[in-house]
Amino acid sequence: MAKEKEPVITGLQKAAILLISLGPERSALIFKHLKEEEIEDLTLEIANTRSVTPQAKEEVINEFYGVCLAQQYIAEGGIGYAKELLEKALGNEKALDVIGKLTASLQVKPFEFIRKTEASQLLNFIQDEHPQTIALILSYLNPSQAALIISALPPDRQSDVAKRIALMDRTSPDVIKEVEKILESKLSSLVNQDYTIIGGVDAVVDILNTVDRSTEKHIMETLEIDEPELADEIRKKMFVFEDILLLDDRAIQRVLRDVDNGDLAIALKGANEEVQNAIFNNLSKRLALMIREDMEFMGPVRMKDVEEAQQKIVNTIRRLEDAAEIVISRGGGDEIIV
């Protein structure tokens, strides 16, 4: 008797199985990055999935693992490099299978060659380009590399480029190709044919969190005049409450002297354990006990109230940093000279 053929699992079914395997918390984080129609399709598929065999789950997870490896290796050194490393990690047959399935979708990011170029060399090459072109290129670089370049631009161009990065949303493949064509001697020609989401407020926040304080301050002051709403949105994301872990004990103690205990109790109500420990470790035992009791007896608290309390503390941290009373260790150039 002929062996019954295994049913073919569609891409949507694989995605649903993967999300089921990851669990609700991790799946919720993934949903934040999907389009509405994708969320609807996946939600419906998950709802219609009654059971998943251990074998199906293992196959989907292994395939996903192979895709992740391929994406990493391709980004690091191209298709050939990816194939070589995948063969070592997964074996020749599996590597060929992964590469074969994903060649069409796993393409090198635009400006890949520039991402591996020294910032000083890149600056000489692009500093005379239009600010929009510079913004487009910096959006594809890692924050530390982009920070070095934007810091070296003339002051009047720094805020202009930062604003263009923040306002950038989706860029047509044709536009990217045209820029690459101009820079063809130094740029990769492999471009994802789908519209690429780049730039945005998060991108400029990553850059501003890495540049030196004077460059950051100049850019923000200029944006506050030219684009006050955008400047406010950027400022809110530049230092979040959880970033209090970037402060040393002395700085945390200085901040706590200016923080209302009632606000602190509410703010900590929505903080993770690591942040809570960082705060309590820098309070006296008596005050720490009092704050803990306040948190316990206040009962449920609205998320809005928690966020407002946390924002007050963040504003205190920014004020103290501006006054040079504390230092936020953002990395890169934050060495302290005694």
Protein backbone atom coordinates (compact mmCIF):
# COMPACT_ATOMS: atom_id res chain seq x y z
CA MET A 1 0.00 0.00 0.00
CA ALA A 2 1.38 3.38 -1.03
CA LYS A 3 2.38 5.72 1.76
CA GLU A 4 -0.01 8.64 2.17
CA LYS A 5 1.60 11.88 1.01
CA GLU A 6 2.11 14.55 3.66
CA PRO A 7 -0.09 17.64 3.05
CA VAL A 8 1.77 20.73 1.86
CA ILE A 9 1.94 23.48 4.50
CA THR A 10 1.40 26.97 3.11
CA GLY A 11 3.44 29.99 4.10
CA LEU A 12 0.53 31.40 6.09
CA GLN A 13 0.11 28.11 7.94
CA LYS A 14 3.84 28.04 8.75
CA ALA A 15 3.64 31.59 10.11
CA ALA A 16 0.64 30.64 12.27
CA ILE A 17 2.42 27.54 13.61
CA LEU A 18 5.52 29.59 14.40
CA LEU A 19 3.50 32.20 16.32
CA ILE A 20 1.65 29.48 18.22
CA SER A 21 5.00 27.93 19.13
CA LEU A 22 6.45 31.25 20.29
CA GLY A 23 3.55 31.90 22.67
CA PRO A 24 1.29 34.95 23.12
CA GLU A 25 3.85 37.40 24.56
CA ARG A 26 6.45 37.01 21.82
CA SER A 27 3.76 36.80 19.13
CA ALA A 28 2.29 40.09 20.34
CA LEU A 29 5.69 41.76 19.83
CA ILE A 30 5.82 40.44 16.26
CA PHE A 31 2.28 41.64 15.51
CA LYS A 32 3.40 45.21 16.24
CA HIS A 33 5.53 45.12 13.08
CA LEU A 34 2.88 43.68 10.74
CA LYS A 35 0.30 45.37 8.52
CA GLU A 36 -3.36 45.24 9.48
CA GLU A 37 -4.28 42.79 6.73
CA GLU A 38 -1.38 40.51 7.71
CA ILE A 39 -2.53 40.53 11.33
CA GLU A 40 -6.09 39.70 10.25
CA ASP A 41 -4.95 36.80 8.04
CA LEU A 42 -2.69 35.37 10.72
CA THR A 43 -5.27 35.76 13.47
CA LEU A 44 -7.83 33.91 11.37
CA GLU A 45 -5.33 31.16 10.53
CA ILE A 46 -4.33 30.76 14.19
CA ALA A 47 -7.99 30.58 15.19
CA ASN A 48 -8.57 27.85 12.59
CA THR A 49 -5.53 25.84 13.68
CA ARG A 50 -6.94 23.24 16.07
CA SER A 51 -3.76 21.29 16.77
CA VAL A 52 -0.13 21.19 15.68
CA THR A 53 1.87 17.97 15.67
CA PRO A 54 5.31 18.05 17.30
CA GLN A 55 6.82 17.10 13.92
CA ALA A 56 5.16 20.03 12.11
CA LYS A 57 6.22 22.42 14.86
CA GLU A 58 9.82 21.19 14.71
CA GLU A 59 9.96 21.49 10.91
CA VAL A 60 8.62 25.06 10.95
CA ILE A 61 10.99 26.16 13.73
CA ASN A 62 13.97 24.56 11.95
CA GLU A 63 13.03 26.30 8.70
CA PHE A 64 12.68 29.62 10.52
CA TYR A 65 16.07 29.06 12.14
CA GLY A 66 17.57 28.44 8.71
CA VAL A 67 16.01 31.64 7.39
CA CYS A 68 17.42 33.66 10.29
CA LEU A 69 20.88 32.23 9.73
CA ALA A 70 20.66 32.96 6.02
CA GLN A 71 19.58 36.56 6.61
CA GLN A 72 22.46 37.11 9.00
CA TYR A 73 25.08 35.52 6.75
CA ILE A 74 23.84 37.29 3.61
CA ALA A 75 23.96 40.64 5.39
CA GLU A 76 27.52 39.89 6.55
CA GLY A 77 29.01 38.68 3.29
CA GLY A 78 26.56 37.92 0.49
CA ILE A 79 24.99 34.78 -0.97
CA GLY A 80 28.27 32.89 -1.42
CA TYR A 81 29.37 33.54 2.14
CA ALA A 82 25.92 32.57 3.43
CA LYS A 83 25.96 29.30 1.48
CA GLU A 84 29.39 28.38 2.84
CA LEU A 85 28.43 29.01 6.47
CA LEU A 86 25.01 27.38 6.12
CA GLU A 87 26.68 24.23 4.78
CA LYS A 88 28.81 24.11 7.93
CA ALA A 89 25.83 24.79 10.20
CA LEU A 90 23.10 22.75 8.50
CA GLY A 91 24.83 20.44 6.05
CA ASN A 92 25.10 20.70 2.27
CA GLU A 93 21.62 19.45 1.37
CA LYS A 94 19.78 21.61 3.91
CA ALA A 95 21.86 24.67 3.01
CA LEU A 96 21.02 24.31 -0.68
CA ASP A 97 17.35 23.89 0.22
CA VAL A 98 17.29 27.07 2.33
CA ILE A 99 19.19 29.13 -0.23
CA GLY A 100 17.04 27.77 -3.05
CA LYS A 101 13.80 28.71 -1.31
CA LEU A 102 14.89 32.11 -0.14
CA THR A 103 17.09 33.54 -2.88
CA ALA A 104 14.24 35.68 -4.18
CA SER A 105 13.39 37.18 -0.81
CA LEU A 106 16.75 37.26 0.98
CA GLN A 107 18.56 40.03 -0.82
CA VAL A 108 21.28 42.25 0.49
CA LYS A 109 20.16 45.56 1.96
CA PRO A 110 20.74 48.65 -0.18
CA PHE A 111 24.03 50.47 0.43
CA GLU A 112 25.59 47.29 1.85
CA PHE A 113 29.05 48.26 0.59
CA ILE A 114 28.83 51.66 2.27
CA ARG A 115 27.91 50.02 5.58
CA LYS A 116 31.37 48.39 5.57
CA THR A 117 33.19 51.62 4.65
CA GLU A 118 35.09 53.69 7.20
CA ALA A 119 32.98 56.63 8.38
CA SER A 120 35.75 59.14 7.54
CA GLN A 121 36.01 57.87 3.97
CA LEU A 122 32.26 57.81 3.58
CA LEU A 123 31.99 61.37 4.88
CA ASN A 124 34.37 62.63 2.19
CA PHE A 125 32.29 60.85 -0.40
CA ILE A 126 28.80 62.03 0.57
CA GLN A 127 29.24 65.34 2.41
CA ASP A 128 28.52 67.39 -0.74
CA GLU A 129 25.41 65.37 -1.63
CA HIS A 130 21.90 66.76 -1.18
CA PRO A 131 20.69 66.50 2.45
CA GLN A 132 17.91 64.12 1.37
CA THR A 133 20.49 61.80 -0.22
CA ILE A 134 22.62 61.91 2.93
CA ALA A 135 19.54 61.18 5.05
CA LEU A 136 18.66 58.20 2.85
CA ILE A 137 22.16 56.73 3.15
CA LEU A 138 22.44 57.31 6.91
CA SER A 139 19.11 55.55 7.41
CA TYR A 140 20.73 52.32 6.20
CA LEU A 141 23.83 52.60 8.39
CA ASN A 142 24.16 51.37 11.95
CA PRO A 143 23.58 54.18 14.49
CA SER A 144 27.21 54.49 15.58
CA GLN A 145 28.45 54.89 11.99
CA ALA A 146 25.67 57.34 11.15
CA ALA A 147 26.42 59.29 14.35
CA LEU A 148 30.07 59.81 13.37
CA ILE A 149 29.02 61.15 9.98
CA ILE A 150 26.24 63.46 11.16
CA SER A 151 28.53 64.84 13.89
CA ALA A 152 31.11 65.79 11.25
CA LEU A 153 28.63 67.63 9.02
CA PRO A 154 28.42 71.43 9.20
CA PRO A 155 26.03 72.52 12.02
CA ASP A 156 23.48 73.95 9.59
CA ARG A 157 23.27 70.59 7.79
CA GLN A 158 23.10 68.39 10.90
CA SER A 159 19.56 69.38 11.91
CA ASP A 160 18.39 69.38 8.28
CA VAL A 161 19.60 65.80 7.75
CA ALA A 162 18.22 64.68 11.13
CA LYS A 163 14.81 66.16 10.28
CA ARG A 164 14.76 64.42 6.91
CA ILE A 165 15.61 61.06 8.53
CA ALA A 166 12.85 61.49 11.10
CA LEU A 167 10.25 62.42 8.46
CA MET A 168 11.30 59.64 6.10
CA ASP A 169 8.78 56.80 5.87
CA ARG A 170 8.78 54.62 2.77
CA THR A 171 11.19 54.95 -0.12
CA SER A 172 10.46 53.57 -3.57
CA PRO A 173 12.91 50.98 -4.94
CA ASP A 174 13.29 53.24 -8.00
CA VAL A 175 14.53 56.11 -5.83
CA ILE A 176 16.98 53.84 -4.00
CA LYS A 177 18.24 52.44 -7.31
CA GLU A 178 18.75 55.95 -8.67
CA VAL A 179 20.86 56.91 -5.66
CA GLU A 180 22.79 53.66 -5.95
CA LYS A 181 23.35 54.34 -9.63
CA ILE A 182 24.97 57.67 -8.77
CA LEU A 183 27.16 55.91 -6.21
CA GLU A 184 27.52 52.75 -8.32
CA SER A 185 31.25 52.34 -7.78
CA LYS A 186 30.76 51.88 -4.04
CA LEU A 187 27.27 50.54 -3.53
CA SER A 188 25.58 47.18 -3.82
CA SER A 189 23.01 46.71 -6.59
CA LEU A 190 20.87 44.15 -4.78
CA VAL A 191 17.68 45.92 -3.73
CA ASN A 192 14.55 44.43 -2.22
CA GLN A 193 11.80 45.04 -4.74
CA ASP A 194 9.21 45.73 -2.07
CA TYR A 195 8.88 49.21 -0.61
CA THR A 196 11.48 49.54 2.11
CA ILE A 197 10.59 51.12 5.44
CA ILE A 198 13.55 53.19 6.57
CA GLY A 199 14.31 56.24 8.62
CA GLY A 200 11.61 57.50 10.92
CA VAL A 201 11.76 58.88 14.45
CA ASP A 202 13.31 55.70 15.91
CA ALA A 203 16.20 55.90 13.44
CA VAL A 204 17.07 59.48 14.30
CA VAL A 205 16.69 58.72 18.04
CA ASP A 206 19.27 55.91 17.73
CA ILE A 207 21.64 58.33 16.01
CA LEU A 208 21.09 61.18 18.49
CA ASN A 209 21.58 58.83 21.43
CA THR A 210 25.02 58.05 20.01
CA VAL A 211 26.32 61.48 18.91
CA ASP A 212 28.16 63.77 21.31
CA ARG A 213 26.05 65.96 23.59
CA SER A 214 26.81 69.26 21.79
CA THR A 215 25.74 67.86 18.40
CA GLU A 216 22.59 66.38 19.93
CA LYS A 217 21.78 69.66 21.67
CA HIS A 218 22.27 71.73 18.51
CA ILE A 219 20.08 69.42 16.43
CA MET A 220 17.31 69.33 19.03
CA GLU A 221 17.33 73.12 19.56
CA THR A 222 17.06 73.68 15.82
CA LEU A 223 14.28 71.11 15.46
CA GLU A 224 12.38 72.68 18.37
CA ILE A 225 12.26 75.92 16.36
CA ASP A 226 11.60 74.41 12.90
CA GLU A 227 9.54 71.33 13.83
CA PRO A 228 8.39 71.60 17.49
CA GLU A 229 6.01 68.61 17.33
CA LEU A 230 8.66 66.41 15.74
CA ALA A 231 11.24 67.58 18.27
CA ASP A 232 8.87 66.69 21.11
CA GLU A 233 8.27 63.20 19.67
CA ILE A 234 12.01 62.62 19.30
CA ARG A 235 12.77 63.90 22.80
CA LYS A 236 10.19 61.57 24.34
CA LYS A 237 11.95 58.59 22.77
CA MET A 238 15.53 59.66 23.38
CA PHE A 239 15.57 58.55 27.01
CA VAL A 240 12.86 56.26 28.30
CA PHE A 241 12.30 55.43 31.95
CA GLU A 242 13.94 52.00 31.62
CA ASP A 243 17.13 53.74 30.48
CA ILE A 244 17.71 54.72 34.09
CA LEU A 245 19.87 51.57 34.03
CA LEU A 246 22.37 53.61 32.00
CA LEU A 247 23.05 55.74 35.09
CA ASP A 248 25.58 54.82 37.73
CA ASP A 249 24.59 54.64 41.41
CA ARG A 250 25.76 58.16 42.17
CA ALA A 251 23.70 59.61 39.32
CA ILE A 252 20.60 57.63 40.36
CA GLN A 253 20.96 58.92 43.93
CA ARG A 254 21.22 62.50 42.60
CA VAL A 255 18.08 62.03 40.51
CA LEU A 256 16.11 60.55 43.41
CA ARG A 257 16.80 63.64 45.53
CA ASP A 258 14.67 65.67 43.09
CA VAL A 259 11.91 63.10 42.60
CA ASP A 260 8.63 63.13 44.51
CA ASN A 261 8.15 59.88 46.44
CA GLY A 262 4.54 59.62 45.29
CA ASP A 263 5.59 59.87 41.63
CA LEU A 264 8.36 57.34 42.25
CA ALA A 265 5.93 54.78 43.73
CA ILE A 266 3.56 55.12 40.76
CA ALA A 267 6.42 55.01 38.23
CA LEU A 268 7.87 51.85 39.74
CA LYS A 269 4.44 50.21 39.69
CA GLY A 270 4.89 49.70 35.94
CA ALA A 271 8.66 49.09 35.91
CA ASN A 272 10.42 45.78 35.43
CA GLU A 273 12.27 44.08 38.28
CA GLU A 274 15.72 45.21 37.10
CA VAL A 275 14.71 48.88 37.13
CA GLN A 276 12.99 48.51 40.51
CA ASN A 277 16.13 46.94 41.99
CA ALA A 278 18.32 49.74 40.59
CA ILE A 279 16.10 52.29 42.32
CA PHE A 280 15.62 50.49 45.65
CA ASN A 281 19.36 49.75 45.91
CA ASN A 282 19.97 53.51 45.91
CA LEU A 283 17.39 54.37 48.56
CA SER A 284 17.76 54.07 52.30
CA LYS A 285 16.24 50.88 53.71
CA ARG A 286 13.55 52.91 55.47
CA LEU A 287 12.56 54.87 52.35
CA ALA A 288 12.69 51.77 50.16
CA LEU A 289 10.33 49.99 52.56
CA MET A 290 7.98 52.97 52.54
CA ILE A 291 7.89 53.10 48.72
CA ARG A 292 7.23 49.35 48.54
CA GLU A 293 4.35 49.71 50.99
CA ASP A 294 2.91 52.61 49.00
CA MET A 295 3.06 50.50 45.82
CA GLU A 296 1.32 47.62 47.56
CA PHE A 297 -1.49 49.64 49.15
CA MET A 298 -2.25 51.91 46.18
CA GLY A 299 -3.83 48.99 44.30
CA PRO A 300 -4.30 49.01 40.49
CA VAL A 301 -2.98 52.10 38.71
CA ARG A 302 -3.91 53.38 35.26
CA MET A 303 -1.19 52.96 32.67
CA LYS A 304 -1.60 56.64 31.79
CA ASP A 305 -0.74 57.63 35.38
CA VAL A 306 2.29 55.33 35.39
CA GLU A 307 3.58 56.81 32.13
CA GLU A 308 3.05 60.37 33.39
CA ALA A 309 4.98 59.62 36.59
CA GLN A 310 7.78 57.97 34.63
CA GLN A 311 7.92 60.95 32.26
CA LYS A 312 8.33 63.35 35.19
CA ILE A 313 11.36 61.36 36.34
CA VAL A 314 12.76 61.27 32.80
CA ASN A 315 12.36 65.06 32.59
CA THR A 316 14.29 65.38 35.86
CA ILE A 317 17.07 63.20 34.44
CA ARG A 318 17.28 65.35 31.29
CA ARG A 319 17.36 68.55 33.35
CA LEU A 320 20.18 67.24 35.52
CA GLU A 321 22.10 66.08 32.46
CA ASP A 322 21.71 69.51 30.85
CA ALA A 323 23.07 71.03 34.05
CA ALA A 324 26.04 68.61 33.89
CA GLU A 325 25.11 67.19 37.30
CA ILE A 326 24.83 63.64 35.95
CA VAL A 327 26.17 61.75 32.95
CA ILE A 328 24.12 59.31 30.87
CA SER A 329 26.36 56.54 29.58
CA ARG A 330 25.19 56.29 25.98
CA GLY A 331 28.41 54.71 24.75
CA GLY A 332 30.99 56.22 22.45
CA GLY A 333 32.73 59.31 23.84
CA ASP A 334 31.29 59.14 27.37
CA GLU A 335 34.63 58.64 29.07
CA ILE A 336 34.92 60.58 32.32
CA ILE A 337 38.04 62.66 32.94
CA VAL A 338 38.78 63.32 36.60
